[in-house]
PDB file of N, CA and C in Angstrom:
ATOM      1  N   MET A   1      47.010 163.398 160.227  1.00  0.00           N
ATOM      2  CA  MET A   1      47.717 162.277 159.590  1.00  0.00           C
ATOM      3  C   MET A   1      47.744 161.000 160.576  1.00  0.00           C
ATOM      4  N   GLY A   2      47.442 159.744 160.114  1.00  0.00           N
ATOM      5  CA  GLY A   2      47.334 158.644 160.972  1.00  0.00           C
ATOM      6  C   GLY A   2      48.873 158.183 161.075  1.00  0.00           C
ATOM      7  N   GLY A   3      49.011 157.128 162.005  1.00  0.00           N
ATOM      8  CA  GLY A   3      50.432 156.674 162.135  1.00  0.00           C
ATOM      9  C   GLY A   3      50.741 155.637 161.023  1.00  0.00           C
ATOM     10  N   MET A   4      51.895 155.237 160.996  1.00  0.00           N
ATOM     11  CA  MET A   4      52.277 154.340 159.936  1.00  0.00           C
ATOM     12  C   MET A   4      51.707 153.081 160.261  1.00  0.00           C
ATOM     13  N   SER A   5      51.145 152.129 159.217  1.00  0.00           N
ATOM     14  CA  SER A   5      50.762 150.920 159.526  1.00  0.00           C
ATOM     15  C   SER A   5      51.921 149.966 159.842  1.00  0.00           C
ATOM     16  N   PRO A   6      51.724 149.035 160.775  1.00  0.00           N
ATOM     17  CA  PRO A   6      52.717 148.244 161.159  1.00  0.00           C
ATOM     18  C   PRO A   6      53.348 147.257 159.980  1.00  0.00           C
ATOM     19  N   LEU A   7      52.594 147.206 159.033  1.00  0.00           N
ATOM     20  CA  LEU A   7      53.010 146.446 157.762  1.00  0.00           C
ATOM     21  C   LEU A   7      54.304 147.210 157.127  1.00  0.00           C
ATOM     22  N   PHE A   8      54.401 148.379 157.399  1.00  0.00           N
ATOM     23  CA  PHE A   8      55.563 149.043 156.775  1.00  0.00           C
ATOM     24  C   PHE A   8      56.828 148.925 157.571  1.00  0.00           C
ATOM     25  N   ARG A   9      56.600 148.581 158.886  1.00  0.00           N
ATOM     26  CA  ARG A   9      57.750 148.460 159.661  1.00  0.00           C
ATOM     27  C   ARG A   9      58.361 147.063 159.749  1.00  0.00           C
ATOM     28  N   ARG A  10      57.564 146.168 159.635  1.00  0.00           N
ATOM     29  CA  ARG A  10      58.113 144.711 159.601  1.00  0.00           C
ATOM     30  C   ARG A  10      57.437 143.965 158.478  1.00  0.00           C
ATOM     31  N   LYS A  11      58.044 142.896 157.879  1.00  0.00           N
ATOM     32  CA  LYS A  11      57.491 142.062 156.916  1.00  0.00           C
ATOM     33  C   LYS A  11      56.522 141.136 157.548  1.00  0.00           C
ATOM     34  N   SER A  12      55.410 140.771 156.832  1.00  0.00           N
ATOM     35  CA  SER A  12      54.418 139.859 157.320  1.00  0.00           C
ATOM     36  C   SER A  12      55.166 138.441 157.128  1.00  0.00           C
ATOM     37  N   PRO A  13      54.734 137.535 157.825  1.00  0.00           N
ATOM     38  CA  PRO A  13      55.340 136.004 157.745  1.00  0.00           C
ATOM     39  C   PRO A  13      55.181 135.630 156.323  1.00  0.00           C
ATOM     40  N   GLU A  14      53.989 135.834 155.683  1.00  0.00           N
ATOM     41  CA  GLU A  14      53.751 135.206 154.432  1.00  0.00           C
ATOM     42  C   GLU A  14      54.680 135.715 153.422  1.00  0.00           C
ATOM     43  N   SER A  15      55.360 136.902 153.719  1.00  0.00           N
ATOM     44  CA  SER A  15      56.329 137.453 152.625  1.00  0.00           C
ATOM     45  C   SER A  15      57.779 136.958 152.973  1.00  0.00           C
ATOM     46  N   ARG A  16      57.975 136.297 153.909  1.00  0.00           N
ATOM     47  CA  ARG A  16      59.263 135.712 154.243  1.00  0.00           C
ATOM     48  C   ARG A  16      59.522 134.396 153.444  1.00  0.00           C
ATOM     49  N   VAL A  17      60.689 134.024 153.296  1.00  0.00           N
ATOM     50  CA  VAL A  17      60.872 132.665 152.931  1.00  0.00           C
ATOM     51  C   VAL A  17      62.256 132.014 153.550  1.00  0.00           C
ATOM     52  N   VAL A  18      62.005 130.792 153.981  1.00  0.00           N
ATOM     53  CA  VAL A  18      63.237 129.980 154.490  1.00  0.00           C
ATOM     54  C   VAL A  18      63.477 128.975 153.464  1.00  0.00           C
ATOM     55  N   THR A  19      64.885 128.949 153.174  1.00  0.00           N
ATOM     56  CA  THR A  19      65.419 127.955 152.317  1.00  0.00           C
ATOM     57  C   THR A  19      66.401 127.017 153.071  1.00  0.00           C
ATOM     58  N   LEU A  20      66.109 125.675 152.930  1.00  0.00           N
ATOM     59  CA  LEU A  20      67.069 124.774 153.489  1.00  0.00           C
ATOM     60  C   LEU A  20      67.850 124.211 152.325  1.00  0.00           C
ATOM     61  N   ILE A  21      69.251 124.352 152.356  1.00  0.00           N
ATOM     62  CA  ILE A  21      70.063 123.705 151.386  1.00  0.00           C
ATOM     63  C   ILE A  21      70.603 122.408 151.979  1.00  0.00           C
ATOM     64  N   ARG A  22      70.285 121.319 151.396  1.00  0.00           N
ATOM     65  CA  ARG A  22      70.642 120.050 152.067  1.00  0.00           C
ATOM     66  C   ARG A  22      71.114 118.956 151.016  1.00  0.00           C
ATOM     67  N   LYS A  23      71.469 117.848 151.573  1.00  0.00           N
ATOM     68  CA  LYS A  23      71.825 116.735 150.522  1.00  0.00           C
ATOM     69  C   LYS A  23      71.115 115.569 151.063  1.00  0.00           C
ATOM     70  N   PRO A  24      70.862 114.479 150.262  1.00  0.00           N
ATOM     71  CA  PRO A  24      70.320 113.273 150.560  1.00  0.00           C
ATOM     72  C   PRO A  24      71.094 112.509 151.597  1.00  0.00           C
ATOM     73  N   GLY A  25      70.461 111.914 152.589  1.00  0.00           N
ATOM     74  CA  GLY A  25      71.105 111.062 153.537  1.00  0.00           C
ATOM     75  C   GLY A  25      71.835 111.745 154.499  1.00  0.00           C
ATOM     76  N   CYS A  26      71.475 112.982 154.935  1.00  0.00           N
ATOM     77  CA  CYS A  26      72.188 113.823 155.901  1.00  0.00           C
ATOM     78  C   CYS A  26      71.560 113.952 157.151  1.00  0.00           C
ATOM     79  N   HIS A  27      71.954 113.427 158.302  1.00  0.00           N
ATOM     80  CA  HIS A  27      71.108 113.509 159.426  1.00  0.00           C
ATOM     81  C   HIS A  27      70.998 114.961 160.036  1.00  0.00           C
ATOM     82  N   LEU A  28      72.125 115.752 159.843  1.00  0.00           N
ATOM     83  CA  LEU A  28      71.913 117.171 160.345  1.00  0.00           C
ATOM     84  C   LEU A  28      70.906 117.835 159.378  1.00  0.00           C
ATOM     85  N   CYS A  29      70.729 117.552 158.142  1.00  0.00           N
ATOM     86  CA  CYS A  29      69.872 118.062 157.319  1.00  0.00           C
ATOM     87  C   CYS A  29      68.428 117.849 157.648  1.00  0.00           C
ATOM     88  N   ASP A  30      68.341 116.497 158.063  1.00  0.00           N
ATOM     89  CA  ASP A  30      66.956 116.028 158.542  1.00  0.00           C
ATOM     90  C   ASP A  30      66.527 116.861 159.794  1.00  0.00           C
ATOM     91  N   ASP A  31      67.597 117.022 160.747  1.00  0.00           N
ATOM     92  CA  ASP A  31      67.265 117.694 161.906  1.00  0.00           C
ATOM     93  C   ASP A  31      66.881 119.116 161.668  1.00  0.00           C
ATOM     94  N   ALA A  32      67.511 119.757 160.805  1.00  0.00           N
ATOM     95  CA  ALA A  32      67.360 121.116 160.344  1.00  0.00           C
ATOM     96  C   ALA A  32      66.051 121.292 159.711  1.00  0.00           C
ATOM     97  N   GLN A  33      65.612 120.316 158.971  1.00  0.00           N
ATOM     98  CA  GLN A  33      64.274 120.335 158.230  1.00  0.00           C
ATOM     99  C   GLN A  33      63.188 120.204 159.272  1.00  0.00           C
ATOM    100  N   LEU A  34      63.365 119.429 160.212  1.00  0.00           N
ATOM    101  CA  LEU A  34      62.213 119.162 161.220  1.00  0.00           C
ATOM    102  C   LEU A  34      62.090 120.599 162.019  1.00  0.00           C
ATOM    103  N   MET A  35      63.156 121.145 162.420  1.00  0.00           N
ATOM    104  CA  MET A  35      63.111 122.393 163.113  1.00  0.00           C
ATOM    105  C   MET A  35      62.407 123.548 162.175  1.00  0.00           C
ATOM    106  N   ILE A  36      62.854 123.611 160.981  1.00  0.00           N
ATOM    107  CA  ILE A  36      62.241 124.580 160.045  1.00  0.00           C
ATOM    108  C   ILE A  36      60.849 124.364 159.800  1.00  0.00           C
ATOM    109  N   GLU A  37      60.393 123.126 159.688  1.00  0.00           N
ATOM    110  CA  GLU A  37      59.036 122.752 159.575  1.00  0.00           C
ATOM    111  C   GLU A  37      58.083 123.291 160.811  1.00  0.00           C
ATOM    112  N   LYS A  38      58.862 123.027 162.000  1.00  0.00           N
ATOM    113  CA  LYS A  38      58.107 123.421 163.131  1.00  0.00           C
ATOM    114  C   LYS A  38      57.975 124.976 163.263  1.00  0.00           C
ATOM    115  N   VAL A  39      59.140 125.660 163.085  1.00  0.00           N
ATOM    116  CA  VAL A  39      59.029 127.077 163.217  1.00  0.00           C
ATOM    117  C   VAL A  39      58.275 127.847 162.172  1.00  0.00           C
ATOM    118  N   CYS A  40      58.470 127.322 160.918  1.00  0.00           N
ATOM    119  CA  CYS A  40      57.619 128.028 159.867  1.00  0.00           C
ATOM    120  C   CYS A  40      56.235 127.688 159.979  1.00  0.00           C
ATOM    121  N   GLY A  41      55.945 126.362 160.506  1.00  0.00           N
ATOM    122  CA  GLY A  41      54.572 126.072 160.623  1.00  0.00           C
ATOM    123  C   GLY A  41      53.789 126.865 161.655  1.00  0.00           C
ATOM    124  N   ASP A  42      54.539 127.115 162.739  1.00  0.00           N
ATOM    125  CA  ASP A  42      54.009 127.890 163.887  1.00  0.00           C
ATOM    126  C   ASP A  42      53.781 129.452 163.364  1.00  0.00           C
ATOM    127  N   LEU A  43      54.660 129.840 162.613  1.00  0.00           N
ATOM    128  CA  LEU A  43      54.615 131.468 162.270  1.00  0.00           C
ATOM    129  C   LEU A  43      53.991 131.661 160.898  1.00  0.00           C
ATOM    130  N   GLY A  44      53.607 130.517 160.124  1.00  0.00           N
ATOM    131  CA  GLY A  44      53.050 130.687 158.892  1.00  0.00           C
ATOM    132  C   GLY A  44      53.956 131.155 157.768  1.00  0.00           C
ATOM    133  N   VAL A  45      55.226 131.006 157.808  1.00  0.00           N
ATOM    134  CA  VAL A  45      56.159 131.250 156.932  1.00  0.00           C
ATOM    135  C   VAL A  45      56.506 130.148 155.849  1.00  0.00           C
ATOM    136  N   PRO A  46      56.269 130.445 154.520  1.00  0.00           N
ATOM    137  CA  PRO A  46      56.787 129.421 153.533  1.00  0.00           C
ATOM    138  C   PRO A  46      58.210 129.109 153.656  1.00  0.00           C
ATOM    139  N   TRP A  47      58.447 127.831 153.325  1.00  0.00           N
ATOM    140  CA  TRP A  47      59.839 127.337 153.289  1.00  0.00           C
ATOM    141  C   TRP A  47      60.118 126.402 152.078  1.00  0.00           C
ATOM    142  N   GLU A  48      61.245 126.316 151.691  1.00  0.00           N
ATOM    143  CA  GLU A  48      61.684 125.378 150.537  1.00  0.00           C
ATOM    144  C   GLU A  48      62.752 124.544 150.867  1.00  0.00           C
ATOM    145  N   SER A  49      63.013 123.520 150.172  1.00  0.00           N
ATOM    146  CA  SER A  49      64.329 122.679 150.364  1.00  0.00           C
ATOM    147  C   SER A  49      64.931 122.549 149.024  1.00  0.00           C
ATOM    148  N   LYS A  50      66.205 122.737 149.015  1.00  0.00           N
ATOM    149  CA  LYS A  50      67.026 122.474 147.721  1.00  0.00           C
ATOM    150  C   LYS A  50      68.039 121.585 147.912  1.00  0.00           C
ATOM    151  N   ASP A  51      68.214 120.675 147.028  1.00  0.00           N
ATOM    152  CA  ASP A  51      69.287 119.545 147.039  1.00  0.00           C
ATOM    153  C   ASP A  51      70.445 120.048 146.450  1.00  0.00           C
ATOM    154  N   ILE A  52      71.475 120.185 147.369  1.00  0.00           N
ATOM    155  CA  ILE A  52      72.751 120.718 146.860  1.00  0.00           C
ATOM    156  C   ILE A  52      73.576 119.845 145.701  1.00  0.00           C
ATOM    157  N   THR A  53      73.150 118.578 145.671  1.00  0.00           N
ATOM    158  CA  THR A  53      73.730 117.846 144.628  1.00  0.00           C
ATOM    159  C   THR A  53      73.167 118.042 143.316  1.00  0.00           C
ATOM    160  N   GLN A  54      72.034 118.848 143.180  1.00  0.00           N
ATOM    161  CA  GLN A  54      71.363 119.090 141.889  1.00  0.00           C
ATOM    162  C   GLN A  54      71.765 120.458 141.393  1.00  0.00           C
ATOM    163  N   ASP A  55      72.506 121.208 142.210  1.00  0.00           N
ATOM    164  CA  ASP A  55      72.756 122.627 141.734  1.00  0.00           C
ATOM    165  C   ASP A  55      74.225 123.004 141.964  1.00  0.00           C
ATOM    166  N   PRO A  56      74.908 123.028 140.852  1.00  0.00           N
ATOM    167  CA  PRO A  56      76.465 123.402 140.837  1.00  0.00           C
ATOM    168  C   PRO A  56      76.771 124.633 141.686  1.00  0.00           C
ATOM    169  N   ARG A  57      75.893 125.675 141.430  1.00  0.00           N
ATOM    170  CA  ARG A  57      76.321 126.948 142.134  1.00  0.00           C
ATOM    171  C   ARG A  57      76.203 126.824 143.726  1.00  0.00           C
ATOM    172  N   LEU A  58      75.118 126.070 143.989  1.00  0.00           N
ATOM    173  CA  LEU A  58      74.953 126.090 145.563  1.00  0.00           C
ATOM    174  C   LEU A  58      76.119 125.105 146.060  1.00  0.00           C
ATOM    175  N   HIS A  59      76.429 124.096 145.190  1.00  0.00           N
ATOM    176  CA  HIS A  59      77.353 123.165 145.659  1.00  0.00           C
ATOM    177  C   HIS A  59      78.743 123.886 145.923  1.00  0.00           C
ATOM    178  N   ASP A  60      79.134 124.817 144.955  1.00  0.00           N
ATOM    179  CA  ASP A  60      80.377 125.467 145.062  1.00  0.00           C
ATOM    180  C   ASP A  60      80.327 126.488 146.253  1.00  0.00           C
ATOM    181  N   GLN A  61      79.296 126.994 146.450  1.00  0.00           N
ATOM    182  CA  GLN A  61      79.105 128.060 147.609  1.00  0.00           C
ATOM    183  C   GLN A  61      79.113 127.441 148.925  1.00  0.00           C
ATOM    184  N   TYR A  62      78.305 126.403 149.220  1.00  0.00           N
ATOM    185  CA  TYR A  62      77.937 125.881 150.405  1.00  0.00           C
ATOM    186  C   TYR A  62      78.240 124.540 150.897  1.00  0.00           C
ATOM    187  N   TRP A  63      79.057 123.778 149.976  1.00  0.00           N
ATOM    188  CA  TRP A  63      79.324 122.434 150.250  1.00  0.00           C
ATOM    189  C   TRP A  63      79.959 121.997 151.705  1.00  0.00           C
ATOM    190  N   GLU A  64      80.801 123.022 152.090  1.00  0.00           N
ATOM    191  CA  GLU A  64      81.394 122.710 153.308  1.00  0.00           C
ATOM    192  C   GLU A  64      80.607 122.912 154.603  1.00  0.00           C
ATOM    193  N   GLN A  65      79.284 123.710 154.382  1.00  0.00           N
ATOM    194  CA  GLN A  65      78.575 124.114 155.507  1.00  0.00           C
ATOM    195  C   GLN A  65      77.292 123.464 155.620  1.00  0.00           C
ATOM    196  N   ILE A  66      76.900 122.618 154.717  1.00  0.00           N
ATOM    197  CA  ILE A  66      75.400 122.078 154.684  1.00  0.00           C
ATOM    198  C   ILE A  66      74.995 121.273 156.068  1.00  0.00           C
ATOM    199  N   PRO A  67      73.883 121.265 156.512  1.00  0.00           N
ATOM    200  CA  PRO A  67      72.738 122.081 155.864  1.00  0.00           C
ATOM    201  C   PRO A  67      73.063 123.510 156.130  1.00  0.00           C
ATOM    202  N   VAL A  68      72.575 124.385 155.241  1.00  0.00           N
ATOM    203  CA  VAL A  68      72.537 125.822 155.255  1.00  0.00           C
ATOM    204  C   VAL A  68      71.209 126.371 155.262  1.00  0.00           C
ATOM    205  N   VAL A  69      70.901 127.388 156.130  1.00  0.00           N
ATOM    206  CA  VAL A  69      69.490 127.900 156.044  1.00  0.00           C
ATOM    207  C   VAL A  69      69.664 129.287 155.682  1.00  0.00           C
ATOM    208  N   LEU A  70      68.762 129.722 154.654  1.00  0.00           N
ATOM    209  CA  LEU A  70      68.686 130.991 154.268  1.00  0.00           C
ATOM    210  C   LEU A  70      67.464 131.644 154.711  1.00  0.00           C
ATOM    211  N   VAL A  71      67.395 132.906 155.066  1.00  0.00           N
ATOM    212  CA  VAL A  71      66.145 133.593 155.362  1.00  0.00           C
ATOM    213  C   VAL A  71      66.113 134.772 154.325  1.00  0.00           C
ATOM    214  N   ASP A  72      64.940 134.720 153.513  1.00  0.00           N
ATOM    215  CA  ASP A  72      64.816 135.771 152.537  1.00  0.00           C
ATOM    216  C   ASP A  72      66.175 135.791 151.654  1.00  0.00           C
ATOM    217  N   GLY A  73      66.654 134.510 151.313  1.00  0.00           N
ATOM    218  CA  GLY A  73      67.760 134.435 150.396  1.00  0.00           C
ATOM    219  C   GLY A  73      69.188 134.712 150.891  1.00  0.00           C
ATOM    220  N   ARG A  74      69.241 135.307 152.249  1.00  0.00           N
ATOM    221  CA  ARG A  74      70.481 135.498 152.902  1.00  0.00           C
ATOM    222  C   ARG A  74      70.979 134.319 153.889  1.00  0.00           C
ATOM    223  N   GLN A  75      72.056 134.049 154.010  1.00  0.00           N
ATOM    224  CA  GLN A  75      72.434 133.062 154.912  1.00  0.00           C
ATOM    225  C   GLN A  75      72.013 133.415 156.361  1.00  0.00           C
ATOM    226  N   HIS A  76      71.439 132.437 157.112  1.00  0.00           N
ATOM    227  CA  HIS A  76      70.982 132.646 158.486  1.00  0.00           C
ATOM    228  C   HIS A  76      71.959 131.839 159.366  1.00  0.00           C
ATOM    229  N   THR A  77      72.119 130.556 158.899  1.00  0.00           N
ATOM    230  CA  THR A  77      73.018 129.644 159.793  1.00  0.00           C
ATOM    231  C   THR A  77      73.365 128.462 158.944  1.00  0.00           C
ATOM    232  N   PHE A  78      74.277 127.577 159.518  1.00  0.00           N
ATOM    233  CA  PHE A  78      74.593 126.434 158.905  1.00  0.00           C
ATOM    234  C   PHE A  78      74.917 125.413 160.059  1.00  0.00           C
ATOM    235  N   TRP A  79      74.909 124.055 159.511  1.00  0.00           N
ATOM    236  CA  TRP A  79      74.968 122.847 160.477  1.00  0.00           C
ATOM    237  C   TRP A  79      73.894 122.769 161.449  1.00  0.00           C
ATOM    238  N   ARG A  80      73.855 123.556 162.482  1.00  0.00           N
ATOM    239  CA  ARG A  80      72.643 123.313 163.543  1.00  0.00           C
ATOM    240  C   ARG A  80      71.883 124.594 163.506  1.00  0.00           C
ATOM    241  N   VAL A  81      70.560 124.280 163.371  1.00  0.00           N
ATOM    242  CA  VAL A  81      69.509 125.283 163.475  1.00  0.00           C
ATOM    243  C   VAL A  81      69.081 125.631 164.905  1.00  0.00           C
ATOM    244  N   ASP A  82      69.213 126.717 165.420  1.00  0.00           N
ATOM    245  CA  ASP A  82      68.619 127.220 166.709  1.00  0.00           C
ATOM    246  C   ASP A  82      67.320 127.659 166.517  1.00  0.00           C
ATOM    247  N   GLU A  83      66.336 126.924 167.313  1.00  0.00           N
ATOM    248  CA  GLU A  83      64.944 127.183 167.264  1.00  0.00           C
ATOM    249  C   GLU A  83      64.695 128.887 167.550  1.00  0.00           C
ATOM    250  N   GLN A  84      65.150 129.165 168.515  1.00  0.00           N
ATOM    251  CA  GLN A  84      64.817 130.605 169.074  1.00  0.00           C
ATOM    252  C   GLN A  84      65.405 131.581 168.264  1.00  0.00           C
ATOM    253  N   ARG A  85      66.553 131.359 167.653  1.00  0.00           N
ATOM    254  CA  ARG A  85      67.238 132.298 166.848  1.00  0.00           C
ATOM    255  C   ARG A  85      66.578 132.353 165.398  1.00  0.00           C
ATOM    256  N   LEU A  86      66.024 131.315 165.018  1.00  0.00           N
ATOM    257  CA  LEU A  86      65.370 131.324 163.675  1.00  0.00           C
ATOM    258  C   LEU A  86      64.091 132.001 163.975  1.00  0.00           C
ATOM    259  N   ARG A  87      63.280 131.730 165.027  1.00  0.00           N
ATOM    260  CA  ARG A  87      62.093 132.335 165.317  1.00  0.00           C
ATOM    261  C   ARG A  87      62.288 133.873 165.202  1.00  0.00           C
ATOM    262  N   LYS A  88      63.403 134.231 165.975  1.00  0.00           N
ATOM    263  CA  LYS A  88      63.503 135.799 166.038  1.00  0.00           C
ATOM    264  C   LYS A  88      63.812 136.301 164.831  1.00  0.00           C
ATOM    265  N   ALA A  89      64.580 135.655 163.891  1.00  0.00           N
ATOM    266  CA  ALA A  89      64.927 136.167 162.646  1.00  0.00           C
ATOM    267  C   ALA A  89      63.700 136.384 161.916  1.00  0.00           C
ATOM    268  N   LEU A  90      62.644 135.468 162.069  1.00  0.00           N
ATOM    269  CA  LEU A  90      61.495 135.555 161.239  1.00  0.00           C
ATOM    270  C   LEU A  90      60.379 136.440 161.620  1.00  0.00           C
ATOM    271  N   THR A  91      60.589 136.986 162.974  1.00  0.00           N
ATOM    272  CA  THR A  91      59.544 137.755 163.656  1.00  0.00           C
ATOM    273  C   THR A  91      60.150 139.244 163.825  1.00  0.00           C
ATOM    274  N   ASP A  92      61.387 139.469 163.556  1.00  0.00           N
ATOM    275  CA  ASP A  92      62.047 140.804 163.685  1.00  0.00           C
ATOM    276  C   ASP A  92      61.437 141.823 162.621  1.00  0.00           C
TER     277      ASP A  92
END
């Protein structure tokens, strides 16, 4: 029997997704988006942006915390994105 393929131990970058929940005209959101673009670009991880003003459910859940960053649909951080921490979350 051969060893387990590494694919079974960790997700490939392409199978991850980062979601930025933001609102228009928000400087912290712009900062977060730049960081996400950089990290996801480096790692080949897809990302998406959602406008909190367009989604009542997101608005109720996250309004006090935006920008909020989700990794694979789970909250990773809010307000300020730490580059090393996001990188680690996506490569673990």
